């Protein structure tokens, strides 16, 4: 498990990552499977759909989608090609998520994204995976799929399983972590590929 906070000092992050990697390996958890209602007939369908969720007058996220469907029996709102904007505690934009499908659970208020999920933070960090869940009560994003975390073309982290904040400032990759740094000419400068035990990586 690798935990890190995104900063500009990527060399310090890689050094700490390698130290954590030397400790050994950790067991992965069973993968959670997302569920998008596709076979049922929706009770309502909307075009150019927009909704948001707020807490104490602050917007936590805003969702826009060309198509949205409501399945009342399942308490689900299902969207095609959603765009979700996440906001921080000051009400400022933190990141933008896009995916093929989206699901909003009207009971738990959790959001699920499936298919070509991309989260881009305002600081330029990019997370790519095939499924992602935003857990409302934790204000965290979670995935058990393969994840790719990048900062430009010269810094890449990959692995399986992830938890962190939607602004990508404090992110934990759980297992099979691989890190690559490239030099100014695009050639691989540093590379690490091994299982890791729980550890933390923080830049300054």
N, C-alpha and C. Protein backbone atom coordinates (compact mmCIF):
# COMPACT_ATOMS: atom_id res chain seq x y z
N UNK A 1 0.85 -1.18 0.00
CA UNK A 1 0.00 0.00 0.00
C UNK A 1 0.89 1.23 0.00
N UNK A 2 0.61 2.16 -0.88
CA UNK A 2 1.40 3.37 -0.95
C UNK A 2 0.46 4.55 -0.78
N UNK A 3 0.82 5.44 0.13
CA UNK A 3 0.03 6.63 0.36
C UNK A 3 0.90 7.83 0.08
N UNK A 4 0.37 8.80 -0.64
CA UNK A 4 1.17 9.95 -0.97
C UNK A 4 0.32 11.19 -1.07
N UNK A 5 0.96 12.33 -0.91
CA UNK A 5 0.31 13.62 -1.11
C UNK A 5 0.96 14.28 -2.30
N UNK A 6 0.16 14.83 -3.16
CA UNK A 6 0.67 15.39 -4.41
C UNK A 6 1.35 16.71 -4.16
N UNK A 7 2.60 16.80 -4.63
CA UNK A 7 3.37 18.04 -4.56
C UNK A 7 4.24 18.11 -5.79
N UNK A 8 4.98 19.18 -5.88
CA UNK A 8 5.89 19.35 -7.03
C UNK A 8 7.21 18.64 -6.83
N UNK A 9 7.49 18.18 -5.61
CA UNK A 9 8.80 17.54 -5.37
C UNK A 9 8.68 16.05 -5.63
N UNK A 10 8.69 15.68 -6.90
CA UNK A 10 8.45 14.29 -7.30
C UNK A 10 9.63 13.39 -6.93
N UNK A 11 10.83 13.92 -6.90
CA UNK A 11 11.98 13.09 -6.55
C UNK A 11 11.88 12.61 -5.11
N UNK A 12 11.43 13.47 -4.22
CA UNK A 12 11.28 13.08 -2.82
C UNK A 12 10.21 12.02 -2.68
N UNK A 13 9.17 12.14 -3.48
CA UNK A 13 8.11 11.14 -3.45
C UNK A 13 8.63 9.78 -3.90
N UNK A 14 9.38 9.76 -4.99
CA UNK A 14 9.90 8.49 -5.49
C UNK A 14 10.83 7.84 -4.48
N UNK A 15 11.69 8.63 -3.82
CA UNK A 15 12.60 8.08 -2.83
C UNK A 15 11.84 7.41 -1.70
N UNK A 16 10.83 8.08 -1.18
CA UNK A 16 10.03 7.50 -0.10
C UNK A 16 9.27 6.29 -0.58
N UNK A 17 8.83 6.32 -1.82
CA UNK A 17 8.10 5.18 -2.40
C UNK A 17 8.99 3.96 -2.47
N UNK A 18 10.21 4.14 -2.88
CA UNK A 18 11.13 3.01 -2.96
C UNK A 18 11.44 2.44 -1.57
N UNK A 19 11.55 3.31 -0.56
CA UNK A 19 11.77 2.83 0.80
C UNK A 19 10.60 2.00 1.28
N UNK A 20 9.41 2.43 0.96
CA UNK A 20 8.23 1.66 1.35
C UNK A 20 8.18 0.34 0.60
N UNK A 21 8.63 0.35 -0.66
CA UNK A 21 8.58 -0.86 -1.47
C UNK A 21 9.49 -1.94 -0.92
N UNK A 22 10.57 -1.54 -0.28
CA UNK A 22 11.53 -2.52 0.23
C UNK A 22 10.99 -3.32 1.40
N UNK A 23 9.88 -2.94 1.93
CA UNK A 23 9.35 -3.62 3.11
C UNK A 23 8.67 -4.95 2.79
N UNK A 24 8.21 -5.16 1.58
CA UNK A 24 7.59 -6.46 1.27
C UNK A 24 6.36 -6.33 0.43
N UNK A 25 5.33 -7.14 0.71
CA UNK A 25 4.11 -7.15 -0.09
C UNK A 25 2.90 -7.22 0.82
N UNK A 26 1.74 -6.78 0.30
CA UNK A 26 0.50 -6.85 1.05
C UNK A 26 -0.56 -7.55 0.22
N UNK A 27 -1.51 -8.12 0.90
CA UNK A 27 -2.57 -8.86 0.23
C UNK A 27 -3.62 -7.90 -0.29
N UNK A 28 -4.15 -8.16 -1.50
CA UNK A 28 -5.22 -7.36 -2.07
C UNK A 28 -6.57 -7.84 -1.60
N UNK A 29 -7.53 -6.95 -1.63
CA UNK A 29 -8.90 -7.30 -1.28
C UNK A 29 -9.67 -7.69 -2.53
N UNK A 30 -10.77 -8.41 -2.33
CA UNK A 30 -11.61 -8.76 -3.45
C UNK A 30 -12.13 -7.50 -4.10
N UNK A 31 -12.23 -7.51 -5.41
CA UNK A 31 -12.65 -6.34 -6.14
C UNK A 31 -14.15 -6.12 -5.99
N UNK A 32 -14.52 -4.86 -5.74
CA UNK A 32 -15.93 -4.50 -5.71
C UNK A 32 -16.38 -4.25 -7.14
N UNK A 33 -17.54 -4.72 -7.48
CA UNK A 33 -18.06 -4.54 -8.82
C UNK A 33 -19.15 -3.48 -8.80
N UNK A 34 -19.03 -2.51 -9.72
CA UNK A 34 -20.05 -1.48 -9.82
C UNK A 34 -21.32 -2.05 -10.42
N UNK A 35 -22.45 -1.37 -10.21
CA UNK A 35 -23.72 -1.85 -10.75
C UNK A 35 -24.46 -0.69 -11.36
N UNK A 36 -24.59 -0.71 -12.65
CA UNK A 36 -25.34 0.31 -13.37
C UNK A 36 -26.62 -0.33 -13.89
N UNK A 37 -27.74 0.25 -13.55
CA UNK A 37 -29.02 -0.30 -14.00
C UNK A 37 -29.20 -0.06 -15.49
N UNK A 38 -29.19 -1.10 -16.28
CA UNK A 38 -29.33 -0.97 -17.73
C UNK A 38 -30.49 -1.78 -18.27
N UNK A 39 -30.85 -2.88 -17.61
CA UNK A 39 -31.90 -3.75 -18.14
C UNK A 39 -33.29 -3.24 -17.79
N UNK A 40 -33.45 -2.57 -16.66
CA UNK A 40 -34.76 -2.10 -16.24
C UNK A 40 -35.22 -0.91 -17.08
N UNK A 41 -36.52 -0.74 -17.12
CA UNK A 41 -37.10 0.42 -17.80
C UNK A 41 -37.15 1.57 -16.81
N UNK A 42 -36.58 2.73 -17.14
CA UNK A 42 -36.58 3.84 -16.18
C UNK A 42 -37.97 4.43 -15.98
N UNK A 43 -38.18 4.99 -14.81
CA UNK A 43 -39.45 5.67 -14.53
C UNK A 43 -39.50 7.05 -15.18
N UNK A 44 -38.33 7.68 -15.27
CA UNK A 44 -38.23 8.99 -15.91
C UNK A 44 -36.91 9.09 -16.64
N UNK A 45 -36.89 9.90 -17.69
CA UNK A 45 -35.66 10.13 -18.45
C UNK A 45 -35.56 11.61 -18.78
N UNK A 46 -34.33 12.16 -18.65
CA UNK A 46 -34.11 13.58 -18.86
C UNK A 46 -32.96 13.79 -19.84
N UNK A 47 -33.03 14.89 -20.57
CA UNK A 47 -31.94 15.32 -21.44
C UNK A 47 -31.30 16.57 -20.84
N UNK A 48 -30.01 16.76 -21.12
CA UNK A 48 -29.28 17.92 -20.60
C UNK A 48 -29.53 18.08 -19.10
N UNK A 49 -29.21 17.02 -18.37
CA UNK A 49 -29.51 16.95 -16.94
C UNK A 49 -28.41 17.60 -16.11
N UNK A 50 -28.81 18.32 -15.06
CA UNK A 50 -27.88 18.94 -14.12
C UNK A 50 -28.41 18.78 -12.71
N UNK A 51 -27.55 18.40 -11.78
CA UNK A 51 -27.92 18.34 -10.36
C UNK A 51 -26.67 18.61 -9.53
N UNK A 52 -26.86 18.88 -8.25
CA UNK A 52 -25.72 19.12 -7.37
C UNK A 52 -26.08 18.69 -5.96
N UNK A 53 -25.04 18.55 -5.13
CA UNK A 53 -25.22 18.25 -3.72
C UNK A 53 -24.45 19.26 -2.90
N UNK A 54 -25.12 19.80 -1.87
CA UNK A 54 -24.50 20.82 -1.04
C UNK A 54 -24.57 20.42 0.42
N UNK A 55 -23.71 21.04 1.21
CA UNK A 55 -23.66 20.80 2.65
C UNK A 55 -23.36 22.12 3.33
N UNK A 56 -24.28 22.57 4.18
CA UNK A 56 -24.13 23.86 4.87
C UNK A 56 -23.88 24.99 3.87
N UNK A 57 -24.69 24.98 2.82
CA UNK A 57 -24.67 26.02 1.78
C UNK A 57 -23.46 25.94 0.85
N UNK A 58 -22.54 24.99 1.09
CA UNK A 58 -21.39 24.81 0.20
C UNK A 58 -21.66 23.65 -0.76
N UNK A 59 -21.42 23.85 -2.03
CA UNK A 59 -21.61 22.79 -3.02
C UNK A 59 -20.47 21.78 -2.90
N UNK A 60 -20.82 20.50 -2.76
CA UNK A 60 -19.80 19.44 -2.68
C UNK A 60 -19.46 18.94 -4.07
N UNK A 61 -20.48 18.76 -4.90
CA UNK A 61 -20.26 18.35 -6.29
C UNK A 61 -21.42 18.80 -7.15
N UNK A 62 -21.15 18.92 -8.43
CA UNK A 62 -22.17 19.24 -9.42
C UNK A 62 -22.04 18.26 -10.58
N UNK A 63 -23.15 17.70 -11.01
CA UNK A 63 -23.15 16.68 -12.06
C UNK A 63 -23.92 17.19 -13.28
N UNK A 64 -23.32 17.03 -14.44
CA UNK A 64 -23.98 17.35 -15.70
C UNK A 64 -23.88 16.13 -16.61
N UNK A 65 -24.97 15.84 -17.34
CA UNK A 65 -24.98 14.69 -18.24
C UNK A 65 -25.97 14.93 -19.37
N UNK A 66 -25.66 14.47 -20.58
CA UNK A 66 -26.61 14.63 -21.69
C UNK A 66 -27.87 13.81 -21.51
N UNK A 67 -27.76 12.68 -20.78
CA UNK A 67 -28.92 11.82 -20.55
C UNK A 67 -28.88 11.32 -19.11
N UNK A 68 -30.04 11.33 -18.43
CA UNK A 68 -30.16 10.80 -17.07
C UNK A 68 -31.47 10.05 -16.95
N UNK A 69 -31.43 8.94 -16.20
CA UNK A 69 -32.62 8.11 -16.02
C UNK A 69 -32.82 7.83 -14.54
N UNK A 70 -34.06 7.85 -14.10
CA UNK A 70 -34.39 7.56 -12.71
C UNK A 70 -35.06 6.19 -12.61
N UNK A 71 -34.53 5.35 -11.73
CA UNK A 71 -35.10 4.04 -11.43
C UNK A 71 -35.60 4.09 -9.99
N UNK A 72 -36.88 4.37 -9.84
CA UNK A 72 -37.45 4.63 -8.51
C UNK A 72 -37.33 3.44 -7.58
N UNK A 73 -37.58 2.23 -8.07
CA UNK A 73 -37.54 1.04 -7.22
C UNK A 73 -36.14 0.82 -6.65
N UNK A 74 -35.11 1.14 -7.42
CA UNK A 74 -33.73 0.95 -6.99
C UNK A 74 -33.15 2.19 -6.31
N UNK A 75 -33.92 3.28 -6.31
CA UNK A 75 -33.45 4.54 -5.75
C UNK A 75 -32.15 4.98 -6.42
N UNK A 76 -32.12 4.86 -7.76
CA UNK A 76 -30.92 5.17 -8.51
C UNK A 76 -31.19 6.21 -9.58
N UNK A 77 -30.20 7.07 -9.77
CA UNK A 77 -30.15 7.98 -10.91
C UNK A 77 -28.97 7.53 -11.76
N UNK A 78 -29.22 7.18 -13.01
CA UNK A 78 -28.18 6.66 -13.90
C UNK A 78 -27.96 7.64 -15.04
N UNK A 79 -26.71 7.94 -15.35
CA UNK A 79 -26.39 8.93 -16.37
C UNK A 79 -25.44 8.36 -17.42
N UNK A 80 -25.53 8.91 -18.62
CA UNK A 80 -24.57 8.61 -19.68
C UNK A 80 -23.58 9.76 -19.78
N UNK A 81 -22.30 9.42 -19.94
CA UNK A 81 -21.25 10.41 -20.13
C UNK A 81 -21.32 11.57 -19.13
N UNK A 82 -21.34 11.25 -17.83
CA UNK A 82 -21.43 12.32 -16.84
C UNK A 82 -20.14 13.12 -16.72
N UNK A 83 -20.30 14.35 -16.31
CA UNK A 83 -19.18 15.23 -15.93
C UNK A 83 -19.48 15.70 -14.51
N UNK A 84 -18.59 15.37 -13.58
CA UNK A 84 -18.81 15.71 -12.18
C UNK A 84 -17.71 16.65 -11.72
N UNK A 85 -18.10 17.79 -11.20
CA UNK A 85 -17.15 18.75 -10.65
C UNK A 85 -17.18 18.63 -9.13
N UNK A 86 -16.02 18.35 -8.53
CA UNK A 86 -15.89 18.27 -7.08
C UNK A 86 -15.33 19.59 -6.54
N UNK A 87 -15.83 20.00 -5.38
CA UNK A 87 -15.40 21.27 -4.78
C UNK A 87 -14.79 21.02 -3.40
N UNK A 88 -13.84 21.87 -3.02
CA UNK A 88 -13.19 21.69 -1.72
C UNK A 88 -14.00 22.37 -0.61
N UNK A 89 -13.44 22.38 0.60
CA UNK A 89 -14.15 22.91 1.76
C UNK A 89 -14.35 24.42 1.69
N UNK A 90 -13.62 25.08 0.80
CA UNK A 90 -13.80 26.52 0.61
C UNK A 90 -14.75 26.84 -0.52
N UNK A 91 -15.28 25.81 -1.15
CA UNK A 91 -16.20 26.01 -2.26
C UNK A 91 -15.52 26.21 -3.59
N UNK A 92 -14.22 25.97 -3.65
CA UNK A 92 -13.46 26.13 -4.89
C UNK A 92 -13.40 24.81 -5.65
N UNK A 93 -13.34 24.88 -6.95
CA UNK A 93 -13.24 23.68 -7.78
C UNK A 93 -11.97 22.91 -7.43
N UNK A 94 -12.12 21.59 -7.17
CA UNK A 94 -10.97 20.75 -6.82
C UNK A 94 -10.58 19.81 -7.95
N UNK A 95 -11.57 19.24 -8.63
CA UNK A 95 -11.27 18.30 -9.71
C UNK A 95 -12.51 18.10 -10.57
N UNK A 96 -12.29 17.49 -11.73
CA UNK A 96 -13.38 17.17 -12.65
C UNK A 96 -13.28 15.71 -13.03
N UNK A 97 -14.39 14.98 -12.95
CA UNK A 97 -14.46 13.56 -13.31
C UNK A 97 -15.32 13.39 -14.54
N UNK A 98 -14.85 12.54 -15.45
CA UNK A 98 -15.66 12.12 -16.60
C UNK A 98 -15.61 10.60 -16.71
N UNK A 99 -16.66 10.01 -17.26
CA UNK A 99 -16.72 8.56 -17.44
C UNK A 99 -17.80 8.21 -18.44
N UNK A 100 -17.89 6.92 -18.79
CA UNK A 100 -18.91 6.47 -19.73
C UNK A 100 -20.30 6.43 -19.09
N UNK A 101 -20.34 5.96 -17.84
CA UNK A 101 -21.61 5.82 -17.12
C UNK A 101 -21.46 6.37 -15.70
N UNK A 102 -22.56 6.81 -15.14
CA UNK A 102 -22.56 7.28 -13.76
C UNK A 102 -23.81 6.84 -13.04
N UNK A 103 -23.69 6.68 -11.74
CA UNK A 103 -24.81 6.26 -10.91
C UNK A 103 -24.82 7.05 -9.61
N UNK A 104 -25.98 7.57 -9.24
CA UNK A 104 -26.14 8.27 -7.98
C UNK A 104 -27.15 7.52 -7.13
N UNK A 105 -26.71 7.06 -5.97
CA UNK A 105 -27.58 6.34 -5.05
C UNK A 105 -28.34 7.35 -4.20
N UNK A 106 -29.66 7.39 -4.35
CA UNK A 106 -30.46 8.40 -3.66
C UNK A 106 -30.61 8.12 -2.17
N UNK A 107 -30.21 6.95 -1.71
CA UNK A 107 -30.27 6.62 -0.29
C UNK A 107 -28.95 6.97 0.40
N UNK A 108 -27.84 6.46 -0.13
CA UNK A 108 -26.54 6.71 0.49
C UNK A 108 -25.89 8.00 0.00
N UNK A 109 -26.36 8.53 -1.13
CA UNK A 109 -25.78 9.72 -1.77
C UNK A 109 -24.39 9.45 -2.33
N UNK A 110 -24.02 8.18 -2.50
CA UNK A 110 -22.75 7.83 -3.12
C UNK A 110 -22.84 7.98 -4.64
N UNK A 111 -21.71 8.26 -5.25
CA UNK A 111 -21.60 8.34 -6.71
C UNK A 111 -20.71 7.21 -7.22
N UNK A 112 -21.12 6.56 -8.30
CA UNK A 112 -20.31 5.52 -8.93
C UNK A 112 -20.07 5.90 -10.38
N UNK A 113 -18.83 5.80 -10.83
CA UNK A 113 -18.47 6.06 -12.22
C UNK A 113 -17.87 4.80 -12.81
N UNK A 114 -18.28 4.45 -14.03
CA UNK A 114 -17.79 3.25 -14.70
C UNK A 114 -17.39 3.53 -16.14
N UNK A 115 -16.29 2.94 -16.55
CA UNK A 115 -15.87 3.01 -17.94
C UNK A 115 -15.07 4.26 -18.27
N UNK A 116 -13.78 4.09 -18.55
CA UNK A 116 -12.91 5.21 -18.94
C UNK A 116 -13.03 6.38 -17.95
N UNK A 117 -12.88 6.07 -16.67
CA UNK A 117 -12.99 7.10 -15.64
C UNK A 117 -11.70 7.93 -15.61
N UNK A 118 -11.86 9.24 -15.69
CA UNK A 118 -10.71 10.15 -15.64
C UNK A 118 -11.03 11.26 -14.65
N UNK A 119 -10.16 11.44 -13.66
CA UNK A 119 -10.29 12.54 -12.69
C UNK A 119 -9.09 13.45 -12.89
N UNK A 120 -9.35 14.73 -13.14
CA UNK A 120 -8.28 15.71 -13.35
C UNK A 120 -8.38 16.79 -12.29
N UNK A 121 -7.33 16.95 -11.50
CA UNK A 121 -7.35 17.96 -10.44
C UNK A 121 -6.95 19.32 -11.00
N UNK A 122 -7.28 20.37 -10.25
CA UNK A 122 -6.93 21.72 -10.69
C UNK A 122 -5.42 21.92 -10.67
N UNK A 123 -4.69 21.07 -9.94
CA UNK A 123 -3.24 21.17 -9.88
C UNK A 123 -2.55 20.38 -10.99
N UNK A 124 -3.34 19.72 -11.83
CA UNK A 124 -2.77 19.03 -12.99
C UNK A 124 -2.51 17.56 -12.82
N UNK A 125 -2.92 16.96 -11.70
CA UNK A 125 -2.78 15.53 -11.51
C UNK A 125 -3.95 14.82 -12.19
N UNK A 126 -3.69 13.65 -12.77
CA UNK A 126 -4.72 12.92 -13.51
C UNK A 126 -4.77 11.48 -13.01
N UNK A 127 -5.96 11.03 -12.68
CA UNK A 127 -6.21 9.66 -12.26
C UNK A 127 -7.07 8.98 -13.31
N UNK A 128 -6.64 7.78 -13.77
CA UNK A 128 -7.40 7.02 -14.75
C UNK A 128 -7.66 5.61 -14.22
N UNK A 129 -8.89 5.13 -14.37
CA UNK A 129 -9.26 3.79 -13.95
C UNK A 129 -10.55 3.40 -14.64
N UNK A 130 -11.07 2.20 -14.35
CA UNK A 130 -12.31 1.74 -14.99
C UNK A 130 -13.52 1.83 -14.07
N UNK A 131 -13.31 1.98 -12.77
CA UNK A 131 -14.44 2.17 -11.87
C UNK A 131 -13.99 2.97 -10.66
N UNK A 132 -14.88 3.80 -10.16
CA UNK A 132 -14.55 4.67 -9.04
C UNK A 132 -15.83 4.99 -8.28
N UNK A 133 -15.74 4.99 -6.95
CA UNK A 133 -16.89 5.32 -6.11
C UNK A 133 -16.52 6.48 -5.20
N UNK A 134 -17.36 7.51 -5.19
CA UNK A 134 -17.23 8.58 -4.22
C UNK A 134 -18.16 8.26 -3.07
N UNK A 135 -17.59 8.07 -1.87
CA UNK A 135 -18.36 7.70 -0.68
C UNK A 135 -18.72 8.98 0.07
N UNK A 136 -20.00 9.29 0.11
CA UNK A 136 -20.47 10.56 0.65
C UNK A 136 -20.07 10.76 2.10
N UNK A 137 -20.26 9.75 2.95
CA UNK A 137 -20.01 9.94 4.38
C UNK A 137 -18.53 10.10 4.70
N UNK A 138 -17.65 9.66 3.80
CA UNK A 138 -16.21 9.81 4.00
C UNK A 138 -15.61 10.95 3.18
N UNK A 139 -16.36 11.43 2.20
CA UNK A 139 -15.84 12.39 1.22
C UNK A 139 -14.54 11.87 0.63
N UNK A 140 -14.55 10.60 0.21
CA UNK A 140 -13.39 9.95 -0.38
C UNK A 140 -13.78 9.23 -1.66
N UNK A 141 -12.80 9.07 -2.54
CA UNK A 141 -12.98 8.25 -3.73
C UNK A 141 -12.27 6.91 -3.50
N UNK A 142 -12.87 5.83 -4.01
CA UNK A 142 -12.34 4.49 -3.82
C UNK A 142 -12.41 3.72 -5.13
N UNK A 143 -11.44 2.84 -5.35
CA UNK A 143 -11.45 1.92 -6.48
C UNK A 143 -10.67 0.67 -6.11
N UNK A 144 -11.07 -0.45 -6.68
CA UNK A 144 -10.31 -1.70 -6.54
C UNK A 144 -9.71 -2.12 -7.87
N UNK A 145 -9.89 -1.33 -8.92
CA UNK A 145 -9.36 -1.64 -10.24
C UNK A 145 -7.92 -1.15 -10.40
N UNK A 146 -7.37 -1.43 -11.56
CA UNK A 146 -6.07 -0.89 -11.94
C UNK A 146 -6.20 0.63 -12.04
N UNK A 147 -5.22 1.35 -11.49
CA UNK A 147 -5.25 2.81 -11.53
C UNK A 147 -3.94 3.34 -12.10
N UNK A 148 -4.04 4.47 -12.76
CA UNK A 148 -2.87 5.16 -13.31
C UNK A 148 -2.95 6.61 -12.85
N UNK A 149 -1.87 7.07 -12.22
CA UNK A 149 -1.83 8.41 -11.64
C UNK A 149 -0.64 9.14 -12.25
N UNK A 150 -0.91 10.27 -12.89
CA UNK A 150 0.16 10.96 -13.61
C UNK A 150 0.19 12.44 -13.27
N UNK A 151 1.38 13.02 -13.45
CA UNK A 151 1.59 14.46 -13.39
C UNK A 151 2.44 14.81 -14.59
N UNK A 152 1.78 15.14 -15.70
CA UNK A 152 2.49 15.37 -16.94
C UNK A 152 3.03 14.05 -17.50
N UNK A 153 3.82 14.11 -18.57
CA UNK A 153 4.32 12.88 -19.20
C UNK A 153 5.51 12.25 -18.49
N UNK A 154 6.10 12.95 -17.51
CA UNK A 154 7.36 12.50 -16.93
C UNK A 154 7.22 11.81 -15.58
N UNK A 155 6.00 11.71 -15.06
CA UNK A 155 5.80 11.11 -13.75
C UNK A 155 4.56 10.24 -13.78
N UNK A 156 4.73 8.95 -13.53
CA UNK A 156 3.63 7.99 -13.64
C UNK A 156 3.66 7.04 -12.45
N UNK A 157 2.53 6.86 -11.79
CA UNK A 157 2.35 5.84 -10.77
C UNK A 157 1.20 4.94 -11.20
N UNK A 158 1.38 3.62 -11.11
CA UNK A 158 0.30 2.69 -11.42
C UNK A 158 0.20 1.65 -10.30
N UNK A 159 -0.94 1.00 -10.22
CA UNK A 159 -1.14 -0.04 -9.22
C UNK A 159 -2.58 -0.48 -9.19
N UNK A 160 -2.95 -1.21 -8.15
CA UNK A 160 -4.31 -1.71 -8.01
C UNK A 160 -4.89 -1.25 -6.67
N UNK A 161 -6.12 -0.73 -6.73
CA UNK A 161 -6.79 -0.27 -5.54
C UNK A 161 -6.38 1.14 -5.17
N UNK A 162 -7.33 1.94 -4.73
CA UNK A 162 -7.04 3.33 -4.42
C UNK A 162 -8.08 3.89 -3.47
N UNK A 163 -7.64 4.79 -2.60
CA UNK A 163 -8.53 5.62 -1.81
C UNK A 163 -7.88 6.99 -1.69
N UNK A 164 -8.71 8.01 -1.56
CA UNK A 164 -8.16 9.35 -1.41
C UNK A 164 -9.24 10.40 -1.48
N UNK A 165 -8.82 11.65 -1.48
CA UNK A 165 -9.78 12.74 -1.57
C UNK A 165 -10.04 13.06 -3.04
N UNK A 166 -11.22 13.57 -3.38
CA UNK A 166 -11.54 13.81 -4.79
C UNK A 166 -10.67 14.87 -5.44
N UNK A 167 -9.98 15.70 -4.64
CA UNK A 167 -9.07 16.68 -5.21
C UNK A 167 -7.69 16.13 -5.52
N UNK A 168 -7.46 14.82 -5.23
CA UNK A 168 -6.20 14.11 -5.51
C UNK A 168 -5.01 14.70 -4.76
N UNK A 169 -5.25 15.28 -3.58
CA UNK A 169 -4.15 15.82 -2.79
C UNK A 169 -3.57 14.79 -1.83
N UNK A 170 -4.35 13.81 -1.45
CA UNK A 170 -3.91 12.78 -0.50
C UNK A 170 -4.46 11.45 -1.00
N UNK A 171 -3.62 10.67 -1.66
CA UNK A 171 -4.07 9.47 -2.36
C UNK A 171 -3.25 8.27 -1.92
N UNK A 172 -3.90 7.15 -1.79
CA UNK A 172 -3.26 5.89 -1.37
C UNK A 172 -3.48 4.83 -2.45
N UNK A 173 -2.41 4.33 -3.02
CA UNK A 173 -2.48 3.19 -3.94
C UNK A 173 -2.14 1.95 -3.14
N UNK A 174 -2.97 0.92 -3.23
CA UNK A 174 -2.93 -0.18 -2.27
C UNK A 174 -1.88 -1.25 -2.55
N UNK A 175 -1.67 -1.63 -3.80
CA UNK A 175 -0.78 -2.77 -4.04
C UNK A 175 -0.22 -2.74 -5.47
N UNK A 176 0.81 -3.58 -5.68
CA UNK A 176 1.46 -3.74 -6.99
C UNK A 176 1.81 -2.37 -7.60
N UNK A 177 2.47 -1.55 -6.82
CA UNK A 177 2.75 -0.18 -7.24
C UNK A 177 3.97 -0.14 -8.16
N UNK A 178 3.86 0.61 -9.22
CA UNK A 178 4.96 0.83 -10.14
C UNK A 178 5.11 2.33 -10.35
N UNK A 179 6.33 2.83 -10.21
CA UNK A 179 6.58 4.26 -10.38
C UNK A 179 7.64 4.47 -11.45
N UNK A 180 7.42 5.46 -12.30
CA UNK A 180 8.36 5.78 -13.37
C UNK A 180 8.58 7.29 -13.40
N UNK A 181 9.85 7.71 -13.42
CA UNK A 181 10.22 9.09 -13.64
C UNK A 181 11.04 9.17 -14.92
N UNK A 182 10.78 10.20 -15.72
CA UNK A 182 11.51 10.38 -16.97
C UNK A 182 12.31 11.67 -16.92
N UNK A 183 13.41 11.70 -17.70
CA UNK A 183 14.22 12.90 -17.74
C UNK A 183 13.64 13.90 -18.74
N UNK A 184 14.34 15.00 -18.95
CA UNK A 184 13.84 16.06 -19.82
C UNK A 184 13.67 15.60 -21.27
N UNK A 185 14.39 14.55 -21.67
CA UNK A 185 14.29 14.05 -23.04
C UNK A 185 13.27 12.93 -23.17
N UNK A 186 12.57 12.63 -22.07
CA UNK A 186 11.54 11.60 -22.13
C UNK A 186 12.04 10.20 -21.91
N UNK A 187 13.32 10.05 -21.55
CA UNK A 187 13.88 8.73 -21.29
C UNK A 187 13.65 8.35 -19.83
N UNK A 188 13.44 7.08 -19.58
CA UNK A 188 13.18 6.63 -18.22
C UNK A 188 14.42 6.84 -17.35
N UNK A 189 14.24 7.61 -16.27
CA UNK A 189 15.34 7.93 -15.37
C UNK A 189 15.34 7.02 -14.15
N UNK A 190 14.16 6.76 -13.61
CA UNK A 190 14.01 5.90 -12.44
C UNK A 190 12.79 5.03 -12.65
N UNK A 191 12.87 3.78 -12.20
CA UNK A 191 11.72 2.88 -12.32
C UNK A 191 11.71 1.92 -11.15
N UNK A 192 10.54 1.70 -10.58
CA UNK A 192 10.37 0.76 -9.48
C UNK A 192 9.15 -0.08 -9.77
N UNK A 193 9.27 -1.38 -9.63
CA UNK A 193 8.16 -2.28 -9.93
C UNK A 193 8.24 -3.45 -8.98
N UNK A 194 7.43 -3.42 -7.92
CA UNK A 194 7.44 -4.51 -6.95
C UNK A 194 6.23 -4.39 -6.04
N UNK A 195 5.92 -5.46 -5.33
CA UNK A 195 4.86 -5.41 -4.33
C UNK A 195 5.33 -4.57 -3.15
N UNK A 196 4.39 -3.99 -2.43
CA UNK A 196 4.74 -3.16 -1.29
C UNK A 196 3.86 -3.46 -0.10
N UNK A 197 4.43 -3.29 1.07
CA UNK A 197 3.63 -3.34 2.30
C UNK A 197 3.08 -1.94 2.57
N UNK A 198 2.14 -1.83 3.52
CA UNK A 198 1.61 -0.51 3.83
C UNK A 198 2.71 0.47 4.16
N UNK A 199 2.63 1.63 3.56
CA UNK A 199 3.62 2.67 3.80
C UNK A 199 3.06 4.00 3.39
N UNK A 200 3.75 5.07 3.67
CA UNK A 200 3.26 6.39 3.32
C UNK A 200 4.35 7.15 2.60
N UNK A 201 3.91 7.96 1.63
CA UNK A 201 4.82 8.82 0.89
C UNK A 201 4.26 10.22 0.90
N UNK A 202 5.02 11.17 1.38
CA UNK A 202 4.57 12.56 1.43
C UNK A 202 5.68 13.45 0.92
N UNK A 203 5.32 14.34 0.02
CA UNK A 203 6.26 15.37 -0.42
C UNK A 203 6.14 16.58 0.46
N UNK A 204 7.07 17.48 0.33
CA UNK A 204 7.05 18.71 1.14
C UNK A 204 6.92 19.90 0.24
